Amino acid sequence: MAKRAILVITHGEFGKELIKSAEMIMGPQENLCALALKPSASVDDLREEASALVAENEKRGLETVILVDLLGGSPSNVSLSLLSKFDLHILTGVNMPMLIELLTLFQSEEDTTKLIETVRGTSVAGIYHLNRSFLKK
């Protein structure tokens, strides 16, 4: 069984609320936390906090998967800065299908690259364009 932790880093409280919503569906989860970049906060403070969490995960023997909201935004830039210090995985565009799938598989799938590709496919497949023609199907 793989030993991993999930860290969600987003602008504002989006990541924390996403975790609350996922736990409504799946129940309380271990090794899952979120960091928020708040308007009054410094990116350097966020980087230090994220680095400390990833370092703690590493000490506990946990591989870290980071989910961020937007490629190129401060949360993803903070995550990318950690790649030089830590062996971790970053997935952009965090959404509910992505998080649910990751929580479902993240301890049982041994191959992290396969896990990430499965989760990425699920999150993309969960995006639909619905209009009135959908009701006719």
N, C-alpha and C. Protein backbone atom coordinates (compact mmCIF):
# COMPACT_ATOMS: atom_id res chain seq x y z
N MET A 1 0.85 -1.18 0.00
CA MET A 1 0.00 0.00 0.00
C MET A 1 0.89 1.24 0.00
N ALA A 2 0.60 2.15 -0.91
CA ALA A 2 1.37 3.39 -1.03
C ALA A 2 1.09 4.31 0.16
N LYS A 3 2.12 5.07 0.51
CA LYS A 3 1.97 6.01 1.62
C LYS A 3 2.11 7.41 1.05
N ARG A 4 0.99 8.12 1.00
CA ARG A 4 0.97 9.45 0.40
C ARG A 4 0.19 10.42 1.26
N ALA A 5 0.45 11.70 0.99
CA ALA A 5 -0.33 12.78 1.58
C ALA A 5 -0.75 13.71 0.45
N ILE A 6 -1.89 14.34 0.61
CA ILE A 6 -2.39 15.29 -0.37
C ILE A 6 -2.40 16.67 0.27
N LEU A 7 -1.85 17.63 -0.45
CA LEU A 7 -1.85 19.03 -0.03
C LEU A 7 -2.52 19.84 -1.12
N VAL A 8 -3.59 20.55 -0.77
CA VAL A 8 -4.31 21.40 -1.72
C VAL A 8 -3.92 22.84 -1.42
N ILE A 9 -3.41 23.54 -2.42
CA ILE A 9 -3.01 24.94 -2.24
C ILE A 9 -3.77 25.79 -3.26
N THR A 10 -4.54 26.76 -2.77
CA THR A 10 -5.38 27.56 -3.66
C THR A 10 -5.39 29.03 -3.26
N HIS A 11 -5.89 29.84 -4.17
CA HIS A 11 -6.20 31.23 -3.85
C HIS A 11 -7.41 31.22 -2.93
N GLY A 12 -7.35 31.95 -1.83
CA GLY A 12 -8.47 32.01 -0.91
C GLY A 12 -8.76 30.66 -0.26
N GLU A 13 -9.96 30.51 0.25
CA GLU A 13 -10.36 29.33 1.01
C GLU A 13 -10.91 28.20 0.13
N PHE A 14 -10.77 28.32 -1.18
CA PHE A 14 -11.32 27.33 -2.10
C PHE A 14 -10.88 25.90 -1.76
N GLY A 15 -9.60 25.70 -1.52
CA GLY A 15 -9.09 24.36 -1.23
C GLY A 15 -9.64 23.79 0.06
N LYS A 16 -9.71 24.64 1.08
CA LYS A 16 -10.25 24.17 2.37
C LYS A 16 -11.72 23.79 2.24
N GLU A 17 -12.48 24.57 1.50
CA GLU A 17 -13.90 24.27 1.31
C GLU A 17 -14.08 23.05 0.41
N LEU A 18 -13.21 22.87 -0.56
CA LEU A 18 -13.25 21.69 -1.42
C LEU A 18 -13.04 20.42 -0.59
N ILE A 19 -12.10 20.47 0.33
CA ILE A 19 -11.86 19.33 1.22
C ILE A 19 -13.08 19.07 2.09
N LYS A 20 -13.68 20.11 2.64
CA LYS A 20 -14.90 19.92 3.45
C LYS A 20 -15.99 19.25 2.64
N SER A 21 -16.16 19.68 1.39
CA SER A 21 -17.18 19.08 0.52
C SER A 21 -16.87 17.63 0.22
N ALA A 22 -15.62 17.33 -0.08
CA ALA A 22 -15.23 15.94 -0.36
C ALA A 22 -15.45 15.06 0.87
N GLU A 23 -15.16 15.59 2.04
CA GLU A 23 -15.36 14.80 3.27
C GLU A 23 -16.83 14.62 3.59
N MET A 24 -17.70 15.51 3.10
CA MET A 24 -19.15 15.29 3.24
C MET A 24 -19.55 14.02 2.50
N ILE A 25 -18.90 13.77 1.38
CA ILE A 25 -19.21 12.62 0.54
C ILE A 25 -18.48 11.37 1.02
N MET A 26 -17.21 11.51 1.38
CA MET A 26 -16.36 10.36 1.64
C MET A 26 -16.03 10.13 3.11
N GLY A 27 -16.43 11.04 3.97
CA GLY A 27 -16.07 10.95 5.37
C GLY A 27 -14.69 11.54 5.62
N PRO A 28 -14.30 11.63 6.88
CA PRO A 28 -12.99 12.23 7.23
C PRO A 28 -11.84 11.48 6.56
N GLN A 29 -10.83 12.24 6.14
CA GLN A 29 -9.69 11.67 5.42
C GLN A 29 -8.40 11.96 6.19
N GLU A 30 -7.48 11.02 6.13
CA GLU A 30 -6.16 11.20 6.74
C GLU A 30 -5.19 11.74 5.70
N ASN A 31 -4.16 12.41 6.17
CA ASN A 31 -3.08 12.91 5.31
C ASN A 31 -3.58 13.80 4.19
N LEU A 32 -4.55 14.64 4.52
CA LEU A 32 -5.14 15.59 3.57
C LEU A 32 -5.26 16.94 4.26
N CYS A 33 -4.68 17.97 3.65
CA CYS A 33 -4.81 19.31 4.22
C CYS A 33 -4.76 20.34 3.10
N ALA A 34 -5.11 21.57 3.45
CA ALA A 34 -5.13 22.66 2.48
C ALA A 34 -4.44 23.88 3.05
N LEU A 35 -3.85 24.64 2.14
CA LEU A 35 -3.29 25.94 2.46
C LEU A 35 -3.97 26.96 1.57
N ALA A 36 -4.19 28.15 2.12
CA ALA A 36 -4.88 29.20 1.38
C ALA A 36 -3.99 30.43 1.26
N LEU A 37 -3.90 30.96 0.06
CA LEU A 37 -3.26 32.25 -0.14
C LEU A 37 -4.33 33.31 0.03
N LYS A 38 -4.25 34.03 1.12
CA LYS A 38 -5.24 35.06 1.42
C LYS A 38 -4.73 36.41 0.93
N PRO A 39 -5.63 37.34 0.63
CA PRO A 39 -5.20 38.64 0.11
C PRO A 39 -4.18 39.36 0.99
N SER A 40 -4.26 39.17 2.29
CA SER A 40 -3.35 39.86 3.20
C SER A 40 -2.05 39.09 3.45
N ALA A 41 -1.93 37.88 2.87
CA ALA A 41 -0.78 37.02 3.17
C ALA A 41 0.32 37.23 2.14
N SER A 42 1.51 36.87 2.55
CA SER A 42 2.67 36.95 1.66
C SER A 42 2.90 35.60 0.99
N VAL A 43 3.33 35.63 -0.26
CA VAL A 43 3.66 34.41 -0.98
C VAL A 43 4.82 33.69 -0.30
N ASP A 44 5.75 34.45 0.26
CA ASP A 44 6.88 33.84 0.96
C ASP A 44 6.40 33.06 2.19
N ASP A 45 5.41 33.60 2.90
CA ASP A 45 4.86 32.88 4.05
C ASP A 45 4.20 31.58 3.60
N LEU A 46 3.46 31.65 2.49
CA LEU A 46 2.82 30.45 1.95
C LEU A 46 3.87 29.41 1.56
N ARG A 47 4.95 29.86 0.93
CA ARG A 47 6.04 28.96 0.53
C ARG A 47 6.65 28.28 1.75
N GLU A 48 6.89 29.04 2.81
CA GLU A 48 7.47 28.46 4.03
C GLU A 48 6.52 27.44 4.66
N GLU A 49 5.24 27.78 4.70
CA GLU A 49 4.25 26.86 5.28
C GLU A 49 4.15 25.57 4.46
N ALA A 50 4.12 25.71 3.13
CA ALA A 50 4.05 24.53 2.26
C ALA A 50 5.31 23.69 2.39
N SER A 51 6.45 24.33 2.44
CA SER A 51 7.72 23.62 2.57
C SER A 51 7.76 22.84 3.88
N ALA A 52 7.29 23.44 4.96
CA ALA A 52 7.27 22.76 6.26
C ALA A 52 6.36 21.54 6.22
N LEU A 53 5.19 21.66 5.58
CA LEU A 53 4.27 20.52 5.50
C LEU A 53 4.86 19.39 4.66
N VAL A 54 5.46 19.72 3.54
CA VAL A 54 6.06 18.68 2.69
C VAL A 54 7.24 18.02 3.40
N ALA A 55 8.05 18.82 4.10
CA ALA A 55 9.17 18.26 4.86
C ALA A 55 8.66 17.31 5.94
N GLU A 56 7.58 17.68 6.61
CA GLU A 56 7.00 16.81 7.64
C GLU A 56 6.48 15.52 7.01
N ASN A 57 5.83 15.63 5.86
CA ASN A 57 5.36 14.42 5.15
C ASN A 57 6.54 13.51 4.84
N GLU A 58 7.62 14.09 4.35
CA GLU A 58 8.81 13.31 4.01
C GLU A 58 9.36 12.59 5.24
N LYS A 59 9.43 13.30 6.38
CA LYS A 59 9.89 12.68 7.63
C LYS A 59 9.03 11.49 8.02
N ARG A 60 7.73 11.59 7.74
CA ARG A 60 6.79 10.53 8.08
C ARG A 60 6.75 9.43 7.01
N GLY A 61 7.59 9.56 5.98
CA GLY A 61 7.64 8.55 4.93
C GLY A 61 6.49 8.65 3.94
N LEU A 62 5.89 9.83 3.83
CA LEU A 62 4.76 10.03 2.92
C LEU A 62 5.19 10.80 1.68
N GLU A 63 4.79 10.30 0.53
CA GLU A 63 4.99 11.02 -0.73
C GLU A 63 3.89 12.08 -0.83
N THR A 64 4.23 13.28 -1.26
CA THR A 64 3.25 14.37 -1.32
C THR A 64 2.77 14.59 -2.74
N VAL A 65 1.44 14.66 -2.88
CA VAL A 65 0.78 15.08 -4.11
C VAL A 65 0.14 16.42 -3.81
N ILE A 66 0.53 17.45 -4.58
CA ILE A 66 -0.02 18.78 -4.38
C ILE A 66 -1.01 19.08 -5.50
N LEU A 67 -2.19 19.54 -5.10
CA LEU A 67 -3.20 19.98 -6.05
C LEU A 67 -3.30 21.50 -5.95
N VAL A 68 -3.24 22.18 -7.08
CA VAL A 68 -3.35 23.63 -7.10
C VAL A 68 -4.49 24.04 -8.03
N ASP A 69 -4.95 25.27 -7.85
CA ASP A 69 -6.09 25.71 -8.62
C ASP A 69 -5.76 26.16 -10.04
N LEU A 70 -4.63 26.85 -10.22
CA LEU A 70 -4.39 27.53 -11.49
C LEU A 70 -2.91 27.51 -11.83
N LEU A 71 -2.56 26.94 -12.96
CA LEU A 71 -1.17 26.96 -13.41
C LEU A 71 -0.74 28.40 -13.62
N GLY A 72 0.41 28.76 -13.07
CA GLY A 72 0.93 30.12 -13.23
C GLY A 72 0.56 31.06 -12.10
N GLY A 73 -0.38 30.65 -11.26
CA GLY A 73 -0.75 31.47 -10.11
C GLY A 73 0.22 31.25 -8.96
N SER A 74 0.12 32.06 -7.95
CA SER A 74 1.03 31.96 -6.80
C SER A 74 1.03 30.58 -6.15
N PRO A 75 -0.14 29.94 -5.93
CA PRO A 75 -0.09 28.59 -5.35
C PRO A 75 0.71 27.60 -6.20
N SER A 76 0.56 27.64 -7.52
CA SER A 76 1.34 26.71 -8.35
C SER A 76 2.81 27.10 -8.37
N ASN A 77 3.10 28.39 -8.35
CA ASN A 77 4.50 28.83 -8.32
C ASN A 77 5.18 28.42 -7.02
N VAL A 78 4.45 28.52 -5.91
CA VAL A 78 4.97 28.04 -4.63
C VAL A 78 5.26 26.55 -4.72
N SER A 79 4.33 25.79 -5.27
CA SER A 79 4.52 24.34 -5.41
C SER A 79 5.70 24.01 -6.29
N LEU A 80 5.82 24.71 -7.41
CA LEU A 80 6.94 24.48 -8.32
C LEU A 80 8.28 24.77 -7.65
N SER A 81 8.30 25.78 -6.77
CA SER A 81 9.55 26.10 -6.07
C SER A 81 9.99 24.97 -5.14
N LEU A 82 9.05 24.14 -4.72
CA LEU A 82 9.38 23.02 -3.82
C LEU A 82 9.99 21.84 -4.56
N LEU A 83 9.80 21.79 -5.88
CA LEU A 83 10.34 20.67 -6.67
C LEU A 83 11.86 20.58 -6.59
N SER A 84 12.53 21.70 -6.35
CA SER A 84 13.99 21.65 -6.27
C SER A 84 14.47 21.03 -4.95
N LYS A 85 13.60 21.00 -3.94
CA LYS A 85 13.97 20.47 -2.63
C LYS A 85 13.35 19.11 -2.33
N PHE A 86 12.22 18.81 -2.95
CA PHE A 86 11.46 17.61 -2.59
C PHE A 86 11.05 16.84 -3.84
N ASP A 87 10.88 15.52 -3.67
CA ASP A 87 10.34 14.67 -4.72
C ASP A 87 8.83 14.63 -4.52
N LEU A 88 8.10 15.39 -5.31
CA LEU A 88 6.65 15.46 -5.15
C LEU A 88 5.98 15.55 -6.51
N HIS A 89 4.67 15.53 -6.50
CA HIS A 89 3.87 15.60 -7.73
C HIS A 89 2.89 16.74 -7.60
N ILE A 90 2.70 17.50 -8.68
CA ILE A 90 1.78 18.64 -8.69
C ILE A 90 0.76 18.41 -9.80
N LEU A 91 -0.49 18.63 -9.46
CA LEU A 91 -1.58 18.53 -10.43
C LEU A 91 -2.35 19.83 -10.39
N THR A 92 -2.51 20.48 -11.54
CA THR A 92 -3.19 21.77 -11.60
C THR A 92 -4.68 21.59 -11.93
N GLY A 93 -5.45 22.65 -11.71
CA GLY A 93 -6.87 22.64 -12.05
C GLY A 93 -7.72 21.84 -11.09
N VAL A 94 -7.39 21.87 -9.81
CA VAL A 94 -8.10 21.05 -8.82
C VAL A 94 -9.61 21.27 -8.92
N ASN A 95 -10.34 20.16 -8.86
CA ASN A 95 -11.80 20.21 -8.86
C ASN A 95 -12.33 19.01 -8.07
N MET A 96 -13.62 18.98 -7.84
CA MET A 96 -14.21 17.93 -7.01
C MET A 96 -14.01 16.53 -7.60
N PRO A 97 -14.27 16.27 -8.89
CA PRO A 97 -14.03 14.92 -9.40
C PRO A 97 -12.57 14.49 -9.22
N MET A 98 -11.64 15.42 -9.41
CA MET A 98 -10.22 15.11 -9.24
C MET A 98 -9.93 14.70 -7.81
N LEU A 99 -10.40 15.47 -6.86
CA LEU A 99 -10.11 15.18 -5.45
C LEU A 99 -10.77 13.88 -5.01
N ILE A 100 -12.01 13.65 -5.40
CA ILE A 100 -12.72 12.41 -5.03
C ILE A 100 -11.98 11.19 -5.60
N GLU A 101 -11.59 11.26 -6.86
CA GLU A 101 -10.87 10.13 -7.48
C GLU A 101 -9.53 9.91 -6.80
N LEU A 102 -8.84 10.99 -6.51
CA LEU A 102 -7.54 10.86 -5.85
C LEU A 102 -7.70 10.23 -4.47
N LEU A 103 -8.69 10.68 -3.71
CA LEU A 103 -8.93 10.10 -2.38
C LEU A 103 -9.34 8.63 -2.46
N THR A 104 -10.03 8.28 -3.52
CA THR A 104 -10.46 6.90 -3.70
C THR A 104 -9.28 5.98 -3.98
N LEU A 105 -8.31 6.46 -4.76
CA LEU A 105 -7.23 5.59 -5.24
C LEU A 105 -5.87 5.84 -4.61
N PHE A 106 -5.70 6.94 -3.87
CA PHE A 106 -4.34 7.38 -3.56
C PHE A 106 -3.56 6.49 -2.63
N GLN A 107 -4.19 5.62 -1.87
CA GLN A 107 -3.44 4.70 -1.03
C GLN A 107 -3.29 3.32 -1.66
N SER A 108 -4.18 2.97 -2.59
CA SER A 108 -4.13 1.62 -3.16
C SER A 108 -3.29 1.52 -4.43
N GLU A 109 -3.22 2.57 -5.24
CA GLU A 109 -2.44 2.53 -6.48
C GLU A 109 -0.97 2.78 -6.15
N GLU A 110 -0.13 1.79 -6.43
CA GLU A 110 1.29 1.88 -6.08
C GLU A 110 2.07 2.85 -6.99
N ASP A 111 1.73 2.90 -8.25
CA ASP A 111 2.46 3.71 -9.23
C ASP A 111 1.88 5.13 -9.24
N THR A 112 2.65 6.09 -8.74
CA THR A 112 2.15 7.46 -8.62
C THR A 112 1.87 8.09 -9.98
N THR A 113 2.70 7.82 -10.97
CA THR A 113 2.47 8.39 -12.30
C THR A 113 1.16 7.87 -12.87
N LYS A 114 0.90 6.59 -12.71
CA LYS A 114 -0.37 6.01 -13.18
C LYS A 114 -1.54 6.63 -12.41
N LEU A 115 -1.38 6.80 -11.10
CA LEU A 115 -2.41 7.42 -10.28
C LEU A 115 -2.73 8.82 -10.80
N ILE A 116 -1.71 9.63 -11.03
CA ILE A 116 -1.90 11.01 -11.48
C ILE A 116 -2.60 11.03 -12.84
N GLU A 117 -2.19 10.17 -13.75
CA GLU A 117 -2.83 10.15 -15.08
C GLU A 117 -4.29 9.70 -15.00
N THR A 118 -4.59 8.74 -14.14
CA THR A 118 -5.98 8.31 -13.95
C THR A 118 -6.82 9.46 -13.41
N VAL A 119 -6.30 10.14 -12.39
CA VAL A 119 -7.01 11.25 -11.76
C VAL A 119 -7.18 12.40 -12.75
N ARG A 120 -6.15 12.68 -13.52
CA ARG A 120 -6.24 13.75 -14.52
C ARG A 120 -7.33 13.44 -15.54
N GLY A 121 -7.38 12.21 -15.99
CA GLY A 121 -8.43 11.80 -16.94
C GLY A 121 -9.82 11.93 -16.35
N THR A 122 -9.97 11.55 -15.09
CA THR A 122 -11.27 11.64 -14.43
C THR A 122 -11.72 13.09 -14.31
N SER A 123 -10.78 13.97 -13.97
CA SER A 123 -11.17 15.37 -13.77
C SER A 123 -11.58 16.00 -15.10
N VAL A 124 -10.90 15.66 -16.19
CA VAL A 124 -11.27 16.18 -17.50
C VAL A 124 -12.60 15.57 -17.94
N ALA A 125 -12.78 14.28 -17.72
CA ALA A 125 -14.02 13.60 -18.12
C ALA A 125 -15.22 14.10 -17.32
N GLY A 126 -14.98 14.74 -16.19
CA GLY A 126 -16.07 15.25 -15.37
C GLY A 126 -16.57 16.62 -15.81
N ILE A 127 -16.01 17.15 -16.90
CA ILE A 127 -16.41 18.46 -17.39
C ILE A 127 -17.36 18.26 -18.57
N TYR A 128 -18.55 18.80 -18.46
CA TYR A 128 -19.57 18.68 -19.49
C TYR A 128 -20.11 20.05 -19.85
N HIS A 129 -20.54 20.17 -21.08
CA HIS A 129 -21.28 21.35 -21.50
C HIS A 129 -22.74 20.92 -21.58
N LEU A 130 -23.55 21.45 -20.69
CA LEU A 130 -24.96 21.09 -20.66
C LEU A 130 -25.80 22.26 -21.17
N ASN A 131 -26.75 21.94 -22.04
CA ASN A 131 -27.72 22.91 -22.50
C ASN A 131 -29.03 22.16 -22.75
N ARG A 132 -29.98 22.78 -23.38
CA ARG A 132 -31.29 22.14 -23.55
C ARG A 132 -31.21 20.84 -24.35
N SER A 133 -30.27 20.74 -25.27
CA SER A 133 -30.18 19.51 -26.05
C SER A 133 -29.80 18.32 -25.17
N PHE A 134 -29.15 18.56 -24.05
CA PHE A 134 -28.83 17.50 -23.10
C PHE A 134 -30.11 16.86 -22.56
N LEU A 135 -31.14 17.66 -22.35
CA LEU A 135 -32.40 17.15 -21.80
C LEU A 135 -33.10 16.21 -22.78
N LYS A 136 -32.80 16.32 -24.07
CA LYS A 136 -33.45 15.51 -25.09
C LYS A 136 -32.81 14.14 -25.23
N LYS A 137 -31.69 13.92 -24.59
CA LYS A 137 -30.97 12.64 -24.74
C LYS A 137 -31.52 11.56 -23.88
